[in-house]
Protein backbone atom coordinates (compact mmCIF):
# COMPACT_ATOMS: atom_id res chain seq x y z
CA MET A 1 0.00 0.00 0.00
CA LYS A 2 2.84 2.37 0.89
CA ARG A 3 4.47 1.62 -2.46
CA LEU A 4 1.27 2.47 -4.34
CA TYR A 5 1.05 5.79 -2.42
CA ILE A 6 4.57 6.79 -3.43
CA VAL A 7 3.91 5.85 -7.07
CA GLY A 8 0.78 8.04 -7.01
CA ILE A 9 2.74 11.00 -5.70
CA LEU A 10 5.35 10.62 -8.44
CA LEU A 11 2.66 10.43 -11.12
CA LEU A 12 1.05 13.66 -9.87
CA ALA A 13 4.43 15.38 -9.82
CA ALA A 14 5.04 14.28 -13.38
CA ILE A 15 1.71 15.73 -14.46
CA PHE A 16 2.01 19.11 -12.74
CA PHE A 17 5.69 19.84 -13.27
CA ILE A 18 6.12 18.90 -16.90
CA PRO A 19 7.95 21.94 -18.38
CA GLN A 20 6.01 23.99 -20.90
CA GLN A 21 7.15 23.16 -24.42
CA ALA A 22 8.15 26.12 -26.57
CA SER A 23 8.56 26.56 -30.30
CA ALA A 24 11.47 28.36 -31.97
CA ALA A 25 11.21 32.15 -32.00
CA THR A 26 9.29 33.72 -34.88
CA THR A 27 10.62 37.01 -36.25
CA LEU A 28 8.00 39.72 -36.49
CA THR A 29 7.62 42.36 -39.20
CA SER A 30 6.34 45.74 -38.08
CA GLY A 31 2.59 46.09 -38.46
CA LYS A 32 1.87 42.51 -39.59
CA TRP A 33 -0.26 40.00 -37.69
CA VAL A 34 1.10 36.52 -37.02
CA THR A 35 -1.17 33.65 -36.00
CA GLY A 36 -0.12 31.35 -33.19
CA GLU A 37 -1.67 28.30 -31.59
CA ILE A 38 -1.32 26.69 -28.16
CA THR A 39 -1.57 22.89 -28.38
CA ASP A 40 -0.94 20.01 -26.03
CA THR A 41 2.54 19.69 -27.47
CA THR A 42 3.31 23.41 -27.92
CA THR A 43 2.27 25.23 -24.77
CA LYS A 44 4.58 28.24 -25.16
CA GLN A 45 5.53 30.31 -28.21
CA THR A 46 8.10 33.05 -28.72
CA TYR A 47 8.26 36.02 -31.10
CA GLN A 48 11.10 38.46 -31.62
CA PHE A 49 11.56 41.90 -33.14
CA LYS A 50 14.67 44.01 -33.45
CA LEU A 51 14.88 47.81 -33.18
CA THR A 52 17.81 49.58 -34.81
CA LYS A 53 16.89 52.94 -33.27
CA PRO A 54 14.86 54.17 -30.27
CA SER A 55 11.21 53.64 -31.19
CA LYS A 56 7.61 53.80 -30.09
CA VAL A 57 6.33 50.21 -30.03
CA THR A 58 2.75 48.94 -29.86
CA VAL A 59 2.22 45.25 -29.07
CA GLU A 60 -1.22 43.75 -29.79
CA VAL A 61 -2.45 40.27 -28.91
CA LYS A 62 -5.85 38.95 -30.03
CA SER A 63 -6.80 35.77 -28.18
CA TYR A 64 -9.50 33.17 -28.83
CA MET A 65 -8.73 31.36 -25.56
CA ASN A 66 -9.27 32.65 -22.04
CA GLU A 67 -6.25 31.01 -20.44
CA LEU A 68 -3.60 32.69 -22.59
CA GLU A 69 -0.86 34.93 -21.14
CA ALA A 70 1.46 37.27 -23.05
CA PHE A 71 4.65 39.02 -21.88
CA VAL A 72 7.17 41.38 -23.50
CA TYR A 73 10.83 41.25 -22.41
CA ASN A 74 14.10 42.92 -23.33
CA SER A 75 17.35 40.99 -23.79
CA LYS A 76 17.88 40.98 -20.02
CA GLU A 77 14.48 39.35 -19.49
CA THR A 78 13.10 42.50 -17.90
CA SER A 79 9.37 42.96 -18.48
CA MET A 80 8.61 45.93 -20.70
CA VAL A 81 4.80 46.04 -20.45
CA LYS A 82 2.11 44.83 -18.07
CA PRO A 83 1.34 41.11 -18.51
CA MET A 84 -1.64 40.50 -20.79
CA HIS A 85 -4.49 38.19 -19.72
CA PHE A 86 -7.64 37.19 -21.63
CA PHE A 87 -9.97 35.65 -19.03
CA ALA A 88 -13.24 36.31 -20.93
CA ALA A 89 -12.05 35.26 -24.39
CA ASP A 90 -13.49 32.29 -26.31
CA PRO A 91 -13.37 31.04 -29.91
CA THR A 92 -16.41 33.13 -30.92
CA ASN A 93 -15.62 36.23 -28.85
CA PRO A 94 -11.90 37.02 -29.07
CA ILE A 95 -10.37 39.68 -26.85
CA THR A 96 -7.64 42.08 -28.03
CA GLN A 97 -5.18 43.74 -25.67
CA LYS A 98 -2.78 46.48 -26.72
CA GLU A 99 0.21 48.00 -24.91
CA THR A 100 2.38 50.89 -26.12
CA VAL A 101 5.91 51.41 -24.83
CA TYR A 102 9.02 53.40 -25.75
CA LEU A 103 12.05 51.17 -26.26
CA GLN A 104 15.73 51.65 -27.01
CA ALA A 105 17.56 49.94 -29.88
CA GLY A 106 17.84 46.20 -29.25
CA THR A 107 16.14 42.84 -29.53
CA TYR A 108 12.84 42.21 -27.75
CA THR A 109 10.82 39.06 -27.17
CA ILE A 110 7.09 38.36 -26.86
CA HIS A 111 6.30 35.19 -24.91
CA THR A 112 2.85 33.58 -25.10
CA ASN A 113 1.79 30.59 -23.05
CA ARG A 114 -1.28 29.06 -21.46
CA VAL A 115 -1.91 29.61 -17.75
CA ALA A 116 -0.10 27.14 -15.47
CA PHE A 117 -1.96 23.86 -14.83
CA SER A 118 -4.32 24.69 -17.73
CA GLY A 119 -5.06 22.13 -20.37
CA GLN A 120 -6.74 24.60 -22.70
CA THR A 121 -5.70 24.93 -26.33
CA GLY A 122 -6.56 27.52 -28.91
CA LYS A 123 -5.46 30.16 -31.38
CA TYR A 124 -4.39 33.79 -31.07
CA GLN A 125 -2.75 36.52 -33.14
CA VAL A 126 0.28 38.72 -32.35
CA LYS A 127 1.35 42.01 -33.90
CA ALA A 128 4.14 44.46 -33.06
CA THR A 129 4.25 47.89 -34.70
CA TRP A 130 7.21 50.20 -34.23
CA LYS A 131 8.20 53.61 -35.48
CA THR A 132 11.40 55.57 -34.90
CA ASN A 133 10.99 59.01 -33.34
CA GLY A 134 13.97 60.95 -34.70
CA SER A 135 15.89 60.72 -31.43
CA ASN A 136 19.43 62.09 -31.63
CA GLU A 137 20.61 61.23 -28.14
CA VAL A 138 23.65 58.97 -28.08
CA GLU A 139 23.26 55.88 -25.92
CA PRO A 140 24.49 54.78 -23.50
CA ASN A 141 24.15 58.02 -21.55
CA ASP A 142 22.50 56.59 -18.44
CA GLU A 143 25.22 57.61 -15.94
CA PRO A 144 27.20 60.82 -15.25
CA ASN A 145 30.38 59.25 -16.66
CA GLN A 146 28.48 58.49 -19.89
CA ALA A 147 27.08 62.00 -20.31
CA GLN A 148 26.61 63.03 -23.94
CA PRO A 149 28.45 66.32 -24.72
CA ILE A 150 26.22 69.02 -26.21
CA GLU A 151 26.85 72.65 -27.21
CA VAL A 152 24.98 75.49 -25.55
CA ASN A 153 22.78 77.62 -27.83
CA LYS A 154 23.29 75.10 -30.63
CA THR A 155 22.50 71.43 -29.95
CA LYS A 156 18.81 70.53 -29.84
CA ILE A 157 18.22 67.13 -28.28
CA LYS A 158 15.30 64.86 -29.03
CA GLY A 159 15.29 61.89 -26.69
CA GLN A 160 13.08 59.30 -25.07
CA LEU A 161 12.78 57.48 -21.77
CA GLY A 162 11.42 53.99 -21.20
CA LEU A 163 11.48 51.20 -18.64
CA ASP A 164 14.88 50.12 -19.95
CA ASP A 165 16.19 53.71 -19.96
CA LEU A 166 15.02 55.74 -16.97
CA ALA A 167 17.66 58.51 -17.15
CA ASP A 168 19.74 60.42 -19.69
CA TYR A 169 22.78 62.58 -18.88
CA TYR A 170 24.24 65.44 -20.93
CA MET A 171 27.39 67.55 -20.45
CA VAL A 172 27.59 71.25 -21.27
CA GLU A 173 30.53 73.62 -21.04
CA VAL A 174 30.46 77.41 -20.73
CA ASP A 175 33.51 79.57 -21.43
CA ARG A 176 32.63 82.37 -19.02
CA ALA A 177 30.31 83.23 -16.16
CA GLY A 178 26.64 83.77 -16.94
CA LYS A 179 23.11 82.38 -16.92
CA LEU A 180 22.67 78.74 -17.95
CA THR A 181 19.10 77.71 -18.83
CA VAL A 182 17.82 74.22 -19.60
CA GLN A 183 14.62 74.38 -21.65
CA THR A 184 12.68 71.11 -21.88
CA LYS A 185 9.59 70.16 -23.85
CA SER A 186 8.09 67.00 -22.35
CA TYR A 187 5.44 64.56 -23.54
CA MET A 188 5.68 62.81 -20.14
CA PRO A 189 3.87 64.01 -17.00
CA PHE A 190 6.46 62.63 -14.58
CA LEU A 191 9.64 63.98 -16.14
CA GLN A 192 12.32 65.55 -13.96
CA VAL A 193 15.11 67.81 -15.26
CA GLU A 194 18.08 68.58 -12.99
CA LEU A 195 21.23 70.67 -13.38
CA TYR A 196 24.37 69.62 -11.47
CA ASN A 197 27.94 70.82 -11.13
CA LEU A 198 30.75 68.29 -11.58
CA ALA A 199 30.70 67.55 -7.84
CA GLN A 200 27.13 66.35 -8.57
CA VAL A 201 25.60 68.99 -6.32
CA GLN A 202 22.12 69.78 -7.58
CA MET A 203 21.69 73.40 -8.68
CA THR A 204 18.17 73.40 -10.16
CA LYS A 205 15.28 70.96 -10.51
CA VAL A 206 12.19 71.22 -12.72
CA ASN A 207 9.39 68.61 -12.60
CA ASP A 208 6.20 70.55 -13.29
CA PHE A 209 5.06 68.59 -16.36
CA GLN A 210 1.86 67.08 -14.92
CA GLN A 211 -0.31 68.30 -17.80
CA ALA A 212 1.82 66.59 -20.45
CA THR A 213 0.53 63.63 -22.51
CA ASN A 214 1.88 61.57 -25.42
CA THR A 215 0.19 64.02 -27.80
CA LYS A 216 0.38 67.29 -25.83
CA ALA A 217 3.75 68.67 -24.72
CA VAL A 218 4.48 70.94 -21.77
CA THR A 219 7.53 73.23 -21.89
CA ARG A 220 9.41 74.30 -18.77
CA SER A 221 12.77 75.99 -18.08
CA GLY A 222 15.20 75.96 -15.19
CA SER A 223 18.04 78.49 -14.86
CA MET A 224 21.09 79.12 -12.73
CA TYR A 225 23.92 81.66 -12.76
CA VAL A 226 27.18 79.73 -13.05
CA GLU A 227 30.90 80.26 -13.36
CA LYS A 228 33.07 79.11 -16.27
CA GLY A 229 33.19 75.31 -16.41
CA GLN A 230 31.34 72.07 -17.16
CA TYR A 231 27.88 71.10 -15.93
CA LEU A 232 25.65 68.01 -16.03
CA ILE A 233 22.02 67.87 -17.11
CA LYS A 234 20.03 64.85 -15.89
CA ILE A 235 16.67 64.00 -17.47
CA SER A 236 14.87 61.19 -15.67
CA ASN A 237 11.53 59.51 -15.11
CA THR A 238 9.95 58.24 -11.94
CA GLY A 239 9.56 54.81 -13.54
CA VAL A 240 5.78 54.92 -13.76
CA LEU A 241 4.88 52.56 -16.62
CA ASP A 242 2.29 54.83 -18.22
CA SER A 243 4.52 57.92 -18.15
CA MET A 244 7.27 56.96 -20.60
CA GLY A 245 7.76 58.91 -23.80
CA LEU A 246 9.55 61.67 -25.66
CA TYR A 247 11.21 64.94 -24.71
CA GLU A 248 13.10 67.75 -26.41
CA MET A 249 15.82 69.73 -24.67
CA GLN A 250 18.20 72.60 -25.35
CA ALA A 251 20.76 74.26 -23.09
CA LYS A 252 20.93 78.03 -23.50
CA PHE A 253 23.57 80.39 -22.15
CA VAL A 254 23.92 84.16 -21.84
CA GLY A 255 27.16 85.69 -20.55
CA ALA A 256 26.85 87.93 -17.51
CA SER A 257 29.11 90.71 -18.94
CA ASN A 258 30.57 91.13 -15.45
CA ASN A 259 33.93 92.87 -15.18
CA GLU A 260 34.81 92.07 -11.58
CA LYS A 261 38.24 90.48 -11.15
CA GLU A 262 38.14 87.00 -9.67
CA PRO A 263 39.07 85.66 -7.25
CA ASN A 264 37.75 88.34 -4.91
CA ASN A 265 36.14 86.07 -2.33
CA SER A 266 38.11 87.29 0.71
CA THR A 267 39.45 90.56 2.08
CA GLU A 268 42.98 89.40 1.20
CA LYS A 269 41.93 89.14 -2.45
CA ALA A 270 39.52 92.07 -2.49
CA GLN A 271 39.27 93.95 -5.77
CA THR A 272 40.11 97.66 -5.56
CA LEU A 273 37.03 99.84 -5.89
CA LYS A 274 38.19 103.18 -7.25
CA PRO A 275 35.93 106.09 -6.27
CA ASN A 276 34.29 108.43 -8.76
CA VAL A 277 34.58 106.06 -11.73
CA ALA A 278 32.18 103.88 -13.72
CA PRO A 279 30.51 101.05 -11.76
CA ILE A 280 31.92 97.54 -11.57
CA THR A 281 29.50 94.81 -12.67
CA GLY A 282 29.67 91.76 -10.43
CA LEU A 283 28.02 88.35 -10.38
CA ILE A 284 26.66 86.24 -7.55
CA SER A 285 26.47 82.68 -8.87
CA PHE A 286 25.95 79.16 -7.53
CA GLY A 287 29.73 78.71 -7.41
CA ASP A 288 30.66 82.24 -6.27
CA ARG A 289 28.44 83.59 -3.51
CA LEU A 290 30.65 86.30 -1.99
CA ASP A 291 32.62 89.22 -3.43
CA TYR A 292 34.86 91.71 -1.60
CA TYR A 293 36.00 95.16 -2.69
CA LYS A 294 38.61 97.45 -1.11
CA LEU A 295 38.04 101.20 -0.98
CA ASN A 296 40.75 103.72 -0.02
CA VAL A 297 39.45 106.95 1.52
CA PRO A 298 42.34 109.48 1.29
CA LYS A 299 40.76 111.99 3.68
CA THR A 300 37.72 112.19 5.90
CA ALA A 301 34.68 112.71 3.71
CA GLU A 302 31.11 111.63 2.98
CA VAL A 303 31.21 108.43 0.92
CA LYS A 304 28.28 107.34 -1.22
CA LEU A 305 28.20 103.65 -2.04
CA GLN A 306 25.66 102.93 -4.77
CA VAL A 307 24.55 99.35 -5.46
CA LYS A 308 22.16 98.34 -8.21
CA SER A 309 20.90 94.77 -7.93
CA HIS A 310 19.01 92.31 -10.13
CA MET A 311 18.52 90.21 -6.97
CA LYS A 312 15.68 90.88 -4.54
CA TRP A 313 17.83 89.85 -1.58
CA LEU A 314 21.53 90.77 -1.53
CA GLU A 315 23.60 91.65 1.51
CA VAL A 316 25.88 94.68 1.03
CA SER A 317 28.05 95.61 4.02
CA ILE A 318 30.78 98.18 4.71
CA TYR A 319 33.59 97.21 7.13
CA ASN A 320 36.55 99.13 8.50
CA GLN A 321 40.08 97.74 8.41
CA SER A 322 39.44 95.87 11.68
CA PHE A 323 36.47 94.24 9.96
CA LYS A 324 33.94 96.00 12.16
CA ARG A 325 30.67 96.47 10.30
CA ILE A 326 29.79 100.12 9.71
CA ASP A 327 26.67 99.81 7.57
CA THR A 328 24.62 97.13 5.78
CA TYR A 329 21.61 96.73 3.47
CA ASN A 330 19.97 93.64 1.99
CA TYR A 331 16.52 94.18 0.44
CA PHE A 332 16.09 95.43 -3.12
CA THR A 333 12.30 95.51 -3.53
CA GLY A 334 11.10 94.58 -7.00
CA ALA A 335 14.49 93.52 -8.38
CA SER A 336 14.50 90.86 -11.11
CA ASP A 337 16.55 89.70 -14.10
CA GLN A 338 14.84 92.44 -16.09
CA LEU A 339 14.92 95.21 -13.46
CA LEU A 340 17.82 96.79 -11.54
CA VAL A 341 16.90 98.28 -8.16
CA SER A 342 19.25 100.89 -6.69
CA LYS A 343 20.26 101.66 -3.11
CA THR A 344 22.79 104.22 -1.88
CA LEU A 345 24.56 103.90 1.47
CA LYS A 346 25.87 107.26 2.75
CA ASN A 347 28.49 107.34 5.48
CA LYS A 348 31.06 109.84 6.73
CA LEU A 349 34.27 107.85 6.74
CA LYS A 350 37.65 108.73 8.19
CA THR A 351 40.90 108.39 6.29
CA GLY A 352 41.71 104.71 5.81
CA VAL A 353 40.97 101.46 4.03
CA TYR A 354 37.47 99.98 3.98
CA TYR A 355 36.00 96.71 2.68
CA ILE A 356 32.67 96.19 0.98
CA GLY A 357 31.23 92.68 1.11
CA VAL A 358 28.53 91.55 -1.34
CA ARG A 359 26.93 88.30 -0.19
CA GLU A 360 24.29 85.92 -1.59
CA LEU A 361 20.97 85.67 0.26
CA GLY A 362 19.17 82.96 -1.70
CA TYR A 363 19.13 84.77 -5.06
CA PHE A 364 21.64 84.76 -7.92
CA GLY A 365 22.38 87.31 -10.62
CA THR A 366 24.33 90.44 -11.47
CA TYR A 367 24.79 93.74 -9.65
CA GLN A 368 26.60 97.04 -10.16
CA ILE A 369 28.64 98.81 -7.52
CA ASN A 370 30.48 102.13 -7.39
CA ALA A 371 31.68 104.59 -4.76
CA SER A 372 31.47 108.37 -4.92
CA ILE A 373 33.60 110.79 -2.88
CA PRO A 374 32.81 114.21 -4.41
CA THR A 375 35.45 116.11 -2.44
CA ILE A 376 38.35 114.21 -4.03
CA VAL A 377 37.24 114.14 -7.66
CA PRO A 378 40.26 115.05 -9.87
CA LYS A 379 40.25 118.36 -11.69
CA ALA A 380 39.99 118.32 -15.48
CA PRO A 381 43.31 118.46 -17.39
CA THR A 382 44.80 121.65 -18.81
CA VAL A 383 44.77 121.27 -22.60
CA LYS A 384 46.85 123.26 -25.04
CA ALA A 385 45.27 124.74 -28.15
CA VAL A 386 44.77 122.25 -31.02
CA LYS A 387 45.29 123.54 -34.53
CA LYS A 388 43.92 122.29 -37.83
CA GLY A 389 45.97 119.33 -39.11
CA ALA A 390 47.28 118.46 -35.63
CA THR A 391 47.87 114.75 -34.87
CA ARG A 392 48.42 115.12 -31.11
CA VAL A 393 46.52 116.53 -28.14
CA THR A 394 48.85 117.86 -25.43
CA GLY A 395 48.61 119.38 -21.98
CA THR A 396 49.25 118.83 -18.27
CA THR A 397 47.48 116.99 -15.45
CA TYR A 398 48.27 114.71 -12.51
CA LYS A 399 51.51 112.74 -12.93
CA LYS A 400 51.44 109.14 -14.19
CA SER A 401 47.70 109.17 -14.74
CA GLN A 402 45.50 107.87 -17.55
CA VAL A 403 44.36 110.53 -20.01
CA THR A 404 41.36 109.95 -22.29
CA VAL A 405 40.72 112.00 -25.44
CA LYS A 406 37.23 111.65 -26.89
CA ILE A 407 36.54 112.76 -30.46
CA GLY A 408 33.06 111.92 -31.71
CA LYS A 409 32.35 108.33 -30.66
CA LYS A 410 36.00 107.29 -30.52
CA GLU A 411 38.38 107.42 -27.57
CA TYR A 412 42.19 107.65 -27.56
CA LYS A 413 44.09 106.87 -24.38
CA GLY A 414 47.55 107.52 -23.02
CA LYS A 415 49.43 108.35 -19.82
CA SER A 416 50.95 111.49 -18.37
CA ASN A 417 54.64 111.40 -17.45
CA SER A 418 56.29 111.85 -14.06
CA LYS A 419 55.81 115.63 -14.37
CA GLY A 420 52.18 115.43 -15.46
CA ALA A 421 52.67 116.26 -19.15
CA PHE A 422 50.81 114.22 -21.76
CA SER A 423 50.76 113.91 -25.54
CA ILE A 424 48.04 111.70 -27.02
CA LYS A 425 48.20 110.63 -30.66
CA VAL A 426 44.97 111.27 -32.64
CA PRO A 427 43.95 111.30 -36.33
CA LYS A 428 44.65 114.44 -38.35
CA GLN A 429 42.18 117.05 -37.09
CA LYS A 430 39.74 119.22 -38.99
CA ALA A 431 38.86 122.79 -38.03
CA LYS A 432 36.02 123.32 -35.53
CA THR A 433 36.12 119.69 -34.30
CA ASN A 434 35.20 119.41 -30.61
CA ILE A 435 37.65 117.46 -28.45
CA TYR A 436 36.97 116.29 -24.87
CA VAL A 437 39.79 115.38 -22.49
CA SER A 438 39.57 113.75 -19.03
CA VAL A 439 41.96 112.20 -16.53
CA THR A 440 41.58 109.16 -14.26
CA THR A 441 43.53 108.80 -10.99
CA ASP A 442 43.11 106.62 -7.93
CA ASN A 443 40.54 109.16 -6.76
CA GLY A 444 38.32 108.86 -9.82
CA THR A 445 37.71 110.36 -13.23
CA SER A 446 37.49 114.09 -13.83
CA SER A 447 34.94 115.94 -15.87
CA TYR A 448 35.80 116.63 -19.51
CA LYS A 449 37.80 119.64 -20.64
CA LYS A 450 36.41 120.77 -23.98
CA VAL A 451 38.60 122.36 -26.69
CA GLN A 452 37.80 123.15 -30.32
CA VAL A 453 40.23 122.74 -33.19
CA LYS A 454 41.25 126.14 -34.58
């Protein structure tokens, strides 16, 4: 009796654990139906299709049997779509299921089989339709060290994300400081676009694409002021099956036109701020959040420090040589990338050296700064008469100082000698031409002295 029991167990095991028998893989042609059949001897069938480029793929299965299952896998046997089941199908009422997915170049497999422990047989049809989307991203670019190089203001990327490609990286390089903007057009609601420096510190993140669909794109931009260097753009998806699709991206850059002299991030490296001259344009960026300037006050006087900011919050402070704060200001109401807001700090300062610190307060952008000390403004040069046909403008002013001669829209520069005399070469002059001459010293730039050619 015991022997009969054991034999029964073995027979049951043989019945239930017989491996499903599969046929050789059938190669599919895009858009064409192929008929398959599950029999007692062929319980599993396989179909393959190969993509040479990233494509949008639609897989359709039409089943005449209710115990059929269908799966789509990549070459790593990772499932690419939700499993298909046909529980209500029968030979007179077939059921069709369709799944659309975005796939990278490669070989993909469709497996069909009957449900485990089922003895049902029957027919079905399979079709895969694929179409390339014009993607110009270069795979693999799924990791920072695989980032695809692109040119700012030039390269326009068209890419796609899918279950086998959840992230794309791009590398951009800027040759000077300025504003870097990543503009993205997404057909996916759960897209995320991030900008990183090479230390992989996130600088911006944009993920407001919730209204996007496969047929309706949403465009968003993220910007950051950066220094000269290389930066990473990461475009990724949350991995939600129904949210895969296409995107378009371009990196845009505008130089800041700042003329501050870096590095000026400490008092030891502070840039000299000459009084009574044109403003210095500075930049507060993600990688440079503090600038220092050094101002020499030759004699006790009222000093006007004017700051114009594109940033709503910016801390501007004046310190004495012992680094004791004398004055500070930080709120520029209404400032934006399009609007400069001005503030003037007025202080009576004694003879000595002072430092001005400009510090980031959560906003990035450009600013202008200049100091005015009216009581020390240089006097205009003394200019000798200029006659018709002359090729030089001569006169006297402060020694070893820069002299500027302005004729029409052109300027001609030179320096005075150790005695203050200057001789600036100019084009041959015509009678009645107006000439304007100024001098710049450590105390600023004088007003113009006007002379007319005789």
